[in-house]
Protein backbone atom coordinates (compact mmCIF):
# COMPACT_ATOMS: atom_id res chain seq x y z
CA MET A 1 51.65 70.38 106.84
CA THR A 2 54.50 72.88 106.66
CA ASN A 3 53.61 76.53 106.44
CA THR A 4 55.95 78.11 103.87
CA ARG A 5 54.49 81.59 104.14
CA PRO A 6 56.79 84.21 105.67
CA ASP A 7 55.83 84.94 109.26
CA ARG A 8 54.39 88.27 110.25
CA ASP A 9 57.73 89.63 111.45
CA GLU A 10 59.36 88.76 108.12
CA GLN A 11 56.53 90.32 106.12
CA GLN A 12 56.77 93.49 108.17
CA GLY A 13 60.52 93.60 107.63
CA VAL A 14 60.22 93.19 103.85
CA SER A 15 57.46 95.78 103.65
CA LYS A 16 59.91 98.38 104.95
CA LEU A 17 62.37 97.56 102.18
CA ALA A 18 61.34 100.43 99.93
CA GLY A 19 62.08 102.93 102.66
CA LEU A 20 65.57 101.65 103.37
CA SER A 21 68.31 104.05 102.38
CA ARG A 22 71.98 103.17 101.90
CA ARG A 23 72.44 104.12 105.56
CA GLY A 24 69.60 101.77 106.46
CA VAL A 25 71.32 98.89 104.71
CA LEU A 26 74.52 99.66 106.59
CA ARG A 27 72.69 99.82 109.91
CA LEU A 28 71.00 96.53 109.17
CA GLY A 29 74.35 95.00 108.31
CA ALA A 30 75.89 96.43 111.47
CA GLY A 31 73.41 94.45 113.54
CA VAL A 32 74.51 91.32 111.72
CA PHE A 33 78.21 92.07 112.12
CA GLY A 34 77.75 92.72 115.82
CA ALA A 35 76.69 89.12 116.27
CA VAL A 36 80.16 87.91 115.28
CA GLY A 37 82.25 90.80 116.55
CA ALA A 38 84.00 91.18 113.18
CA ALA A 39 86.18 94.13 112.33
CA SER A 40 85.58 94.37 108.56
CA LEU A 41 83.36 92.94 105.86
CA ALA A 42 85.24 91.56 102.90
CA PRO A 43 87.78 89.19 104.52
CA LEU A 44 85.10 87.36 106.48
CA ALA A 45 82.78 87.23 103.50
CA ARG A 46 85.49 85.69 101.35
CA ALA A 47 86.57 83.17 103.99
CA ALA A 48 85.43 79.58 103.67
CA THR A 49 83.25 78.80 106.67
CA THR A 50 82.00 75.32 107.47
CA ARG A 51 79.89 73.90 110.24
CA PRO A 52 81.92 72.39 113.09
CA LYS A 53 82.65 68.70 113.15
CA PRO A 54 80.94 66.63 115.86
CA LEU A 55 84.28 65.72 117.50
CA PRO A 56 87.24 67.87 118.57
CA TRP A 57 89.39 69.00 115.70
CA VAL A 58 92.83 67.37 115.76
CA GLY A 59 95.31 70.20 115.32
CA PRO A 60 97.72 72.38 117.30
CA ARG A 61 95.95 74.57 119.80
CA LEU A 62 97.21 77.35 122.11
CA VAL A 63 95.18 78.75 125.01
CA ILE A 64 96.59 81.95 126.51
CA VAL A 65 95.55 82.89 130.04
CA ASN A 66 96.54 86.50 130.75
CA LEU A 67 96.82 87.46 134.44
CA LYS A 68 96.35 91.21 134.08
CA GLY A 69 97.97 93.53 136.57
CA GLY A 70 101.29 91.74 137.07
CA ASN A 71 101.18 88.43 138.93
CA ASP A 72 103.66 87.96 141.79
CA GLY A 73 105.82 85.12 140.52
CA LEU A 74 107.87 84.90 143.72
CA ASN A 75 104.79 83.91 145.70
CA THR A 76 103.55 81.60 142.91
CA ILE A 77 106.65 79.44 142.44
CA VAL A 78 108.33 80.07 145.77
CA PRO A 79 112.12 80.08 146.41
CA VAL A 80 111.61 79.00 150.03
CA ASP A 81 115.31 78.23 150.65
CA LEU A 82 116.54 81.74 149.82
CA GLN A 83 117.05 83.77 152.98
CA SER A 84 116.76 87.02 151.03
CA TYR A 85 113.20 86.06 150.06
CA HIS A 86 112.19 85.85 153.73
CA ASP A 87 114.20 88.93 154.75
CA GLN A 88 112.60 91.17 152.13
CA ARG A 89 109.08 89.88 152.64
CA PRO A 90 108.61 89.64 156.40
CA THR A 91 104.82 89.21 156.22
CA LEU A 92 104.29 87.93 152.67
CA ALA A 93 106.97 85.23 152.47
CA LEU A 94 105.67 81.66 152.46
CA THR A 95 107.50 78.97 154.40
CA SER A 96 108.29 75.43 153.37
CA GLY A 97 105.52 74.13 155.60
CA GLN A 98 102.96 76.42 153.95
CA THR A 99 103.78 75.43 150.37
CA LEU A 100 103.45 72.42 148.06
CA SER A 101 106.45 70.34 147.05
CA MET A 102 107.81 70.10 143.51
CA ASN A 103 110.24 67.28 144.29
CA THR A 104 108.49 64.48 142.41
CA GLY A 105 107.84 63.80 138.75
CA PRO A 106 110.06 63.83 135.65
CA GLY A 107 110.98 67.50 136.13
CA ALA A 108 111.37 67.35 139.92
CA SER A 109 112.90 70.42 141.59
CA LEU A 110 114.25 70.86 145.11
CA GLN A 111 114.82 74.60 144.66
CA TYR A 112 111.20 75.71 144.58
CA ARG A 113 107.83 74.95 146.08
CA MET A 114 104.35 75.98 144.92
CA ASN A 115 101.85 78.34 146.44
CA PRO A 116 99.46 76.29 148.61
CA GLN A 117 96.53 77.25 146.35
CA LEU A 118 98.01 75.40 143.35
CA ALA A 119 97.13 71.77 144.04
CA ALA A 120 96.00 71.07 140.46
CA LEU A 121 99.16 72.62 139.03
CA GLN A 122 101.22 70.57 141.47
CA ALA A 123 99.55 67.43 140.09
CA ALA A 124 100.29 68.59 136.53
CA PHE A 125 103.93 69.19 137.45
CA THR A 126 104.20 65.76 139.05
CA SER A 127 102.77 64.10 135.94
CA GLY A 128 105.19 66.00 133.69
CA ASP A 129 102.59 68.25 132.05
CA LEU A 130 103.74 71.59 133.53
CA ALA A 131 106.76 73.68 132.54
CA VAL A 132 107.84 76.55 134.81
CA PHE A 133 109.99 79.33 133.34
CA GLN A 134 112.05 81.59 135.61
CA LYS A 135 113.42 85.12 135.13
CA VAL A 136 111.19 85.72 132.10
CA GLY A 137 111.10 89.23 130.68
CA TYR A 138 112.67 91.42 128.01
CA PRO A 139 115.46 94.03 127.78
CA GLY A 140 114.80 97.42 129.34
CA SER A 141 111.79 96.33 131.38
CA ASN A 142 108.90 98.79 131.37
CA GLU A 143 106.78 98.98 134.53
CA SER A 144 103.78 100.60 132.85
CA HIS A 145 100.85 98.20 132.55
CA PHE A 146 99.92 99.54 129.12
CA GLU A 147 103.42 99.58 127.65
CA SER A 148 104.40 96.17 128.96
CA GLU A 149 101.09 94.60 127.88
CA SER A 150 101.73 95.96 124.38
CA ILE A 151 105.23 94.51 124.33
CA TYR A 152 103.92 91.06 125.23
CA SER A 153 100.97 91.38 122.84
CA ARG A 154 103.10 92.44 119.89
CA ALA A 155 106.20 90.40 120.82
CA ARG A 156 108.33 93.44 120.05
CA ARG A 157 110.39 95.53 122.43
CA ASP A 158 110.98 98.33 119.95
CA ILE A 159 107.36 99.55 119.94
CA SER A 160 108.19 101.96 122.77
CA THR A 161 111.06 103.69 120.98
CA GLY A 162 109.04 105.59 118.41
CA THR A 163 110.79 103.85 115.51
CA GLY A 164 107.61 103.42 113.48
CA VAL A 165 107.77 99.64 113.33
CA ASP A 166 104.92 97.28 112.52
CA THR A 167 102.49 97.33 115.45
CA SER A 168 100.49 94.22 114.61
CA GLY A 169 99.91 91.62 117.32
CA TRP A 170 101.99 88.46 117.38
CA LEU A 171 98.90 86.25 117.25
CA ALA A 172 97.69 88.14 114.18
CA ARG A 173 101.03 87.39 112.51
CA LEU A 174 100.83 83.76 113.67
CA THR A 175 97.35 83.16 112.27
CA ASP A 176 98.26 84.92 109.02
CA THR A 177 101.23 82.56 108.71
CA ILE A 178 99.45 79.28 109.44
CA GLY A 179 96.23 80.15 107.61
CA PRO A 180 93.82 82.93 108.57
CA SER A 181 90.09 82.33 108.94
CA PRO A 182 87.28 83.92 110.98
CA THR A 183 87.70 81.32 113.72
CA SER A 184 91.47 80.69 113.65
CA ALA A 185 91.76 82.74 116.85
CA ILE A 186 88.99 83.48 119.37
CA ALA A 187 89.09 85.78 122.39
CA VAL A 188 86.62 84.82 125.12
CA GLY A 189 85.22 87.32 127.61
CA MET A 190 87.95 89.93 127.15
CA GLY A 191 87.03 92.08 124.16
CA HIS A 192 89.41 92.27 121.22
CA PRO A 193 93.00 91.82 122.47
CA GLU A 194 95.91 93.76 121.06
CA ASP A 195 97.49 90.42 120.12
CA PHE A 196 94.86 90.17 117.32
CA ARG A 197 95.58 93.61 115.88
CA GLY A 198 96.45 93.77 112.19
CA SER A 199 95.33 90.30 111.09
CA SER A 200 94.47 89.86 107.42
CA SER A 201 91.20 88.15 108.42
CA PRO A 202 89.17 89.59 111.32
CA LEU A 203 89.52 87.41 114.39
CA LEU A 204 86.58 86.56 116.61
CA SER A 205 85.76 87.97 120.04
CA ILE A 206 82.84 86.55 122.04
CA GLY A 207 81.45 86.86 125.55
CA SER A 208 82.31 84.54 128.42
CA SER A 209 79.19 82.45 127.80
CA LEU A 210 78.10 80.96 124.47
CA SER A 211 74.45 81.42 125.40
CA SER A 212 74.84 85.18 124.91
CA PHE A 213 76.04 84.77 121.33
CA GLU A 214 72.91 85.55 119.32
CA TYR A 215 71.21 88.27 117.30
CA GLY A 216 70.02 91.26 119.23
CA VAL A 217 66.34 92.16 119.48
CA ASP A 218 65.00 94.32 116.65
CA TRP A 219 62.88 96.60 118.83
CA PRO A 220 61.97 99.18 116.13
CA HIS A 221 60.26 96.47 114.07
CA GLY A 222 58.76 94.55 116.98
CA ASN A 223 60.82 91.43 116.22
CA THR A 224 61.86 89.74 119.47
CA ASN A 225 62.26 86.17 118.21
CA ASP A 226 65.85 85.20 117.34
CA PRO A 227 65.06 82.78 114.44
CA HIS A 228 62.57 85.28 113.06
CA ARG A 229 65.17 88.03 113.37
CA LYS A 230 67.54 86.05 111.16
CA ALA A 231 64.77 85.32 108.65
CA THR A 232 63.83 88.98 108.53
CA VAL A 233 67.39 90.13 107.92
CA LYS A 234 67.85 87.52 105.19
CA ALA A 235 64.58 88.42 103.47
CA ILE A 236 65.45 92.11 103.43
CA LEU A 237 69.00 91.64 102.20
CA ASP A 238 67.92 89.18 99.50
CA GLN A 239 65.99 92.03 97.88
CA PHE A 240 69.27 93.88 97.32
CA GLN A 241 71.10 90.98 95.64
CA GLY A 242 73.13 92.25 92.70
CA SER A 243 72.15 95.87 93.27
CA SER A 244 75.64 96.92 94.39
CA ALA A 245 78.96 95.59 95.64
CA LEU A 246 78.08 96.97 99.08
CA ALA A 247 74.79 95.09 99.23
CA ASP A 248 76.42 91.86 98.08
CA SER A 249 79.10 92.24 100.75
CA VAL A 250 76.41 92.70 103.37
CA ARG A 251 74.57 89.57 102.15
CA ASP A 252 77.77 87.51 102.17
CA MET A 253 78.63 88.74 105.62
CA GLN A 254 75.17 87.84 106.86
CA ALA A 255 75.60 84.28 105.61
CA VAL A 256 78.91 83.94 107.45
CA SER A 257 77.33 85.45 110.55
CA ASN A 258 74.39 83.04 110.44
CA ASP A 259 76.75 80.09 110.12
CA LEU A 260 78.81 81.20 113.11
CA VAL A 261 75.75 81.84 115.25
CA ASP A 262 74.36 78.40 114.40
CA SER A 263 77.71 76.68 114.93
CA ILE A 264 78.25 78.28 118.31
CA GLY A 265 74.69 77.43 119.28
CA ASP A 266 75.35 73.81 118.35
CA ALA A 267 78.52 73.77 120.46
CA GLU A 268 76.55 75.04 123.45
CA ALA A 269 73.66 72.62 122.95
CA THR A 270 75.69 69.46 122.33
CA TYR A 271 78.45 69.94 124.92
CA ALA A 272 78.70 67.01 127.33
CA SER A 273 81.26 66.44 130.08
CA THR A 274 81.55 64.68 133.42
CA VAL A 275 83.87 67.42 134.70
CA ALA A 276 82.47 69.84 137.27
CA TYR A 277 83.91 73.31 136.73
CA PRO A 278 84.15 75.57 139.82
CA GLU A 279 81.22 77.93 140.29
CA ASN A 280 81.60 81.68 140.78
CA ASN A 281 84.90 81.53 138.93
CA ALA A 282 85.25 83.75 135.86
CA ILE A 283 88.37 81.94 134.64
CA ALA A 284 86.55 78.61 134.84
CA THR A 285 83.58 80.02 132.90
CA GLN A 286 85.87 81.27 130.13
CA LEU A 287 87.81 78.01 129.94
CA GLN A 288 84.62 75.94 129.87
CA THR A 289 83.41 78.08 126.97
CA ILE A 290 86.64 77.21 125.16
CA ALA A 291 86.12 73.52 126.00
CA LYS A 292 82.66 73.70 124.40
CA LEU A 293 84.10 75.17 121.21
CA ILE A 294 86.85 72.55 121.12
CA GLN A 295 84.40 69.70 121.65
CA GLY A 296 82.12 71.31 119.04
CA GLY A 297 84.81 70.86 116.40
CA PHE A 298 85.93 74.46 115.91
CA GLU A 299 89.17 74.53 113.92
CA THR A 300 90.66 77.19 116.16
CA ASN A 301 94.40 77.45 116.71
CA VAL A 302 94.40 80.13 119.40
CA PHE A 303 92.10 81.02 122.28
CA CYS A 304 92.67 83.94 124.65
CA ILE A 305 91.17 84.81 128.03
CA ALA A 306 92.13 87.31 130.73
CA LYS A 307 91.63 87.79 134.45
CA GLY A 308 92.36 91.03 136.29
CA ARG A 309 93.06 92.10 139.91
CA PHE A 310 96.67 90.83 139.99
CA ASP A 311 98.02 94.34 140.65
CA THR A 312 98.51 93.60 144.35
CA HIS A 313 99.88 96.85 145.80
CA ALA A 314 98.14 96.38 149.16
CA ALA A 315 97.00 93.51 151.39
CA GLN A 316 98.43 91.05 148.88
CA GLY A 317 98.37 87.91 151.03
CA PRO A 318 94.65 86.99 151.03
CA LEU A 319 93.92 88.53 147.61
CA HIS A 320 96.74 86.71 145.84
CA ALA A 321 95.74 83.44 147.50
CA GLU A 322 92.16 83.92 146.29
CA LEU A 323 93.25 84.68 142.72
CA LEU A 324 95.63 81.74 142.50
CA GLY A 325 92.91 79.48 143.87
CA LEU A 326 90.57 80.61 141.09
CA LEU A 327 93.28 80.04 138.48
CA ASP A 328 94.17 76.59 139.81
CA GLY A 329 90.58 75.38 140.05
CA ALA A 330 89.84 76.54 136.52
CA LEU A 331 92.99 75.04 134.99
CA GLY A 332 92.44 71.76 136.82
CA ALA A 333 88.90 71.39 135.46
CA PHE A 334 89.89 72.49 131.96
CA SER A 335 92.79 70.04 131.71
CA GLU A 336 90.58 67.20 132.97
CA ASP A 337 87.88 68.12 130.45
CA LEU A 338 90.32 68.15 127.54
CA MET A 339 91.80 64.83 128.62
CA GLU A 340 88.28 63.37 128.67
CA MET A 341 87.57 64.55 125.13
CA GLY A 342 91.01 63.52 123.83
CA ALA A 343 92.25 67.05 123.09
CA TRP A 344 94.87 67.51 125.83
CA ASN A 345 97.86 66.35 123.79
CA ASP A 346 97.04 68.89 121.05
CA THR A 347 96.74 71.80 123.50
CA ILE A 348 99.22 74.09 125.24
CA VAL A 349 97.96 76.44 127.95
CA LEU A 350 100.29 79.41 128.41
CA VAL A 351 99.90 81.55 131.54
CA VAL A 352 101.32 85.05 131.01
CA THR A 353 101.36 88.41 132.79
CA GLU A 354 102.83 91.78 131.84
CA PHE A 355 105.54 91.94 134.53
CA GLY A 356 106.49 90.63 137.95
CA ARG A 357 106.50 92.34 141.34
CA ARG A 358 109.31 93.88 143.38
CA SER A 359 111.42 91.50 145.44
CA PHE A 360 110.43 93.26 148.67
CA GLU A 361 107.04 94.01 150.17
CA ASN A 362 105.92 97.61 150.61
CA GLY A 363 104.46 99.40 153.61
CA SER A 364 100.93 98.38 152.62
CA PHE A 365 101.72 94.65 152.84
CA GLY A 366 101.74 94.38 149.07
CA THR A 367 104.28 94.50 146.26
CA ASP A 368 104.87 97.10 143.56
CA HIS A 369 105.56 96.77 139.85
CA GLY A 370 108.65 94.75 139.03
CA ALA A 371 110.44 93.30 136.03
CA ALA A 372 111.26 89.64 135.29
CA ASN A 373 108.81 86.99 136.38
CA THR A 374 107.54 83.42 136.18
CA MET A 375 105.65 81.99 133.19
CA LEU A 376 103.82 78.66 133.03
CA ALA A 377 103.00 76.27 130.17
CA LEU A 378 100.98 73.09 130.55
CA GLY A 379 99.67 70.45 128.20
CA GLY A 380 99.97 66.84 127.17
CA SER A 381 102.91 67.54 124.85
CA VAL A 382 104.82 69.69 127.35
CA VAL A 383 108.07 68.36 128.81
CA GLY A 384 107.58 69.24 132.45
CA GLY A 385 110.26 70.85 134.60
CA VAL A 386 111.79 74.17 135.61
CA TYR A 387 113.49 76.17 132.84
CA GLY A 388 115.72 79.22 132.94
CA GLU A 389 118.37 80.38 135.38
CA ALA A 390 117.86 79.43 139.00
CA LEU A 391 117.08 82.23 141.43
CA ASN A 392 119.72 83.14 144.01
CA ASP A 393 120.04 85.59 146.89
CA THR A 394 121.85 88.13 144.72
CA ASP A 395 118.90 88.20 142.30
CA LEU A 396 116.64 89.38 145.10
CA THR A 397 119.02 91.92 146.65
CA ALA A 398 121.16 93.43 143.88
CA THR A 399 118.23 95.33 142.35
CA GLU A 400 114.67 96.09 143.38
CA SER A 401 113.30 93.63 140.82
CA LEU A 402 114.45 90.44 139.17
CA THR A 403 116.58 91.02 136.09
CA TYR A 404 115.47 89.04 133.07
CA ALA A 405 117.59 86.16 131.78
CA LEU A 406 114.99 84.47 129.54
CA ASP A 407 113.26 86.49 126.83
CA PHE A 408 109.54 85.65 126.73
CA ARG A 409 109.79 85.44 122.95
CA SER A 410 112.04 82.38 123.24
CA ILE A 411 109.02 80.63 124.80
CA TYR A 412 106.69 81.98 122.11
CA LYS A 413 109.11 80.92 119.37
CA GLU A 414 109.40 77.36 120.60
CA ILE A 415 105.60 77.04 120.66
CA VAL A 416 105.31 78.46 117.14
CA ARG A 417 108.10 76.27 115.78
CA ASP A 418 107.55 72.97 117.58
CA HIS A 419 103.81 73.05 118.27
CA PHE A 420 102.55 74.79 115.12
CA GLY A 421 105.34 73.56 112.83
CA VAL A 422 106.31 76.99 111.48
CA GLY A 423 109.66 77.10 109.66
CA SER A 424 112.45 79.64 109.81
CA GLN A 425 110.92 82.01 107.25
CA GLY A 426 107.63 82.13 109.12
CA LEU A 427 109.43 82.59 112.43
CA GLY A 428 111.20 85.60 110.95
CA THR A 429 107.86 87.11 109.97
CA ILE A 430 106.22 86.49 113.34
CA PHE A 431 109.27 87.55 115.37
CA PRO A 432 111.14 90.12 113.25
CA GLU A 433 113.09 91.70 116.10
CA PRO A 434 116.45 90.08 117.01
CA LEU A 435 116.73 88.99 120.65
CA GLU A 436 119.58 90.05 122.91
CA ILE A 437 119.28 86.70 124.70
CA GLU A 438 118.20 83.75 122.55
CA THR A 439 117.49 80.59 124.54
CA GLU A 440 116.79 77.08 123.28
CA LEU A 441 114.58 75.53 125.96
CA GLY A 442 113.40 72.13 124.74
CA PHE A 443 110.10 72.07 126.64
CA LEU A 444 108.19 70.61 123.67
C-alpha cells in the first residue's frame, strides 16, 4: 500500500511556510537555481524542457576543447625538416625518429610529423577524420592570456580597442541563432565560459562528473535526503502559487530545475559503453561526461571543456609530453565511444588555445608567449588533411613568433555554415567583424 502522506521532512518544510519572507522565498529559489547553474529566472522558466530521448539525438554537435595557457603548436605538429626549428630549439626540438608520421591517409603530409604522444590523433589523421590548421591567429596578436582568450571567446578582435562593441560570446550568438534553450550549450568542469556570455537563454554549466549534479543538503531544516529535498521545495513553493509574479517565476524555475536534475541523473544511470576511458585524466573525465549526455539524448549543440597547464615557460619537454598524452588518450576514447553510439558523424571536436609559443626556446628550457599557432578539428564529417600556409624557415626566423596567415574565425565560420547550416544573415550576426584575411578551407 502506497503511503501518500508527506514525509516528516516535507511536513517540517511546509510548517515553516508562514515564517518565510520575500527574502526567504528568494533564498529558497537560489538553492534550486544553483542546481542548474542558471544565470536568470525568466528565460529558463519560459523554455520548453523535455526529458532526454533514450538514444543519441541526431543533430549537429560541436565539442570545444580549450588548452589553456597557450599550447606549443610547433612541438605538437612538428616541422621536422626545417633546420631553423632545430637551430632555435636545441633541447626541445623533436627529430624525425622521435615523432609519428603523417604520410598516410587521404590528407597525407610529408612536411610534418606528430608529437610521439599523439598516437590516437595519428590514427584519426590516417583515417581522414583529423584536420590540422597551420598559422592560425588574428591580426595584431595579443600575448596576454586574458585578452587573447577573450578574443577567441568573442570571435572579435576589436574588443581590445575600447570601441564599445558588443561583448557577447560567439557561442551565445550561435545558440541564439540556431535556437536557444537551457541545454543548447553546456560547459563541463570549467565554470561559465566567456563564450556563453550574453545569450538570450541562460546556458548550462555543470561539474566534471554528473554524479555531483544534485540538490544541496538543506542543513537548517535537517533535510539530507535528495528526493525529500525536492519534495520539500515543491511543497513550499506550491503554497505561493498565484501570490505574485516572483513566486510563480520561482515555481516555474523549480520545475525546470527538477527536470534537468532528473534528466542528468538518467543519463548517468543508463550510460553504457565498452570503451575504457583513461583513469586519472581530467580531460577524459570531462569528455566521458559529455558522452553520457549525448547517449542520454540531450539535444545539445555545443559542449565546452578546458584543461590548463599549457603555459610552458620552463622545463617544457616532459610537461608538454604529459599534457599531450592526456589529451590524446581522452580524445581517442571519446571518438571511439561516439563511434560506438553512432554519434561520431554528427560531431566535430575543435581543439583551441589562446596563442602559440615563441619559435625559440628560452633559458629555462621552455618557450614564452607567441602568436600564430596550430588548431585541430576531428570528427566523422571532417575532411582530413593539413590546411593553411606551409611553414618555412623564414617563418621561424624573421620574427620571434609565427605570423598568422589563417584567421581562426575562418575555421569557426565554416563550422557554423557547413555543420550547423547557418546562412549568410546568421553568419553576419555571429561574426559581425570583417576579416583582414578571409580563407575558404573546405574541411567539411
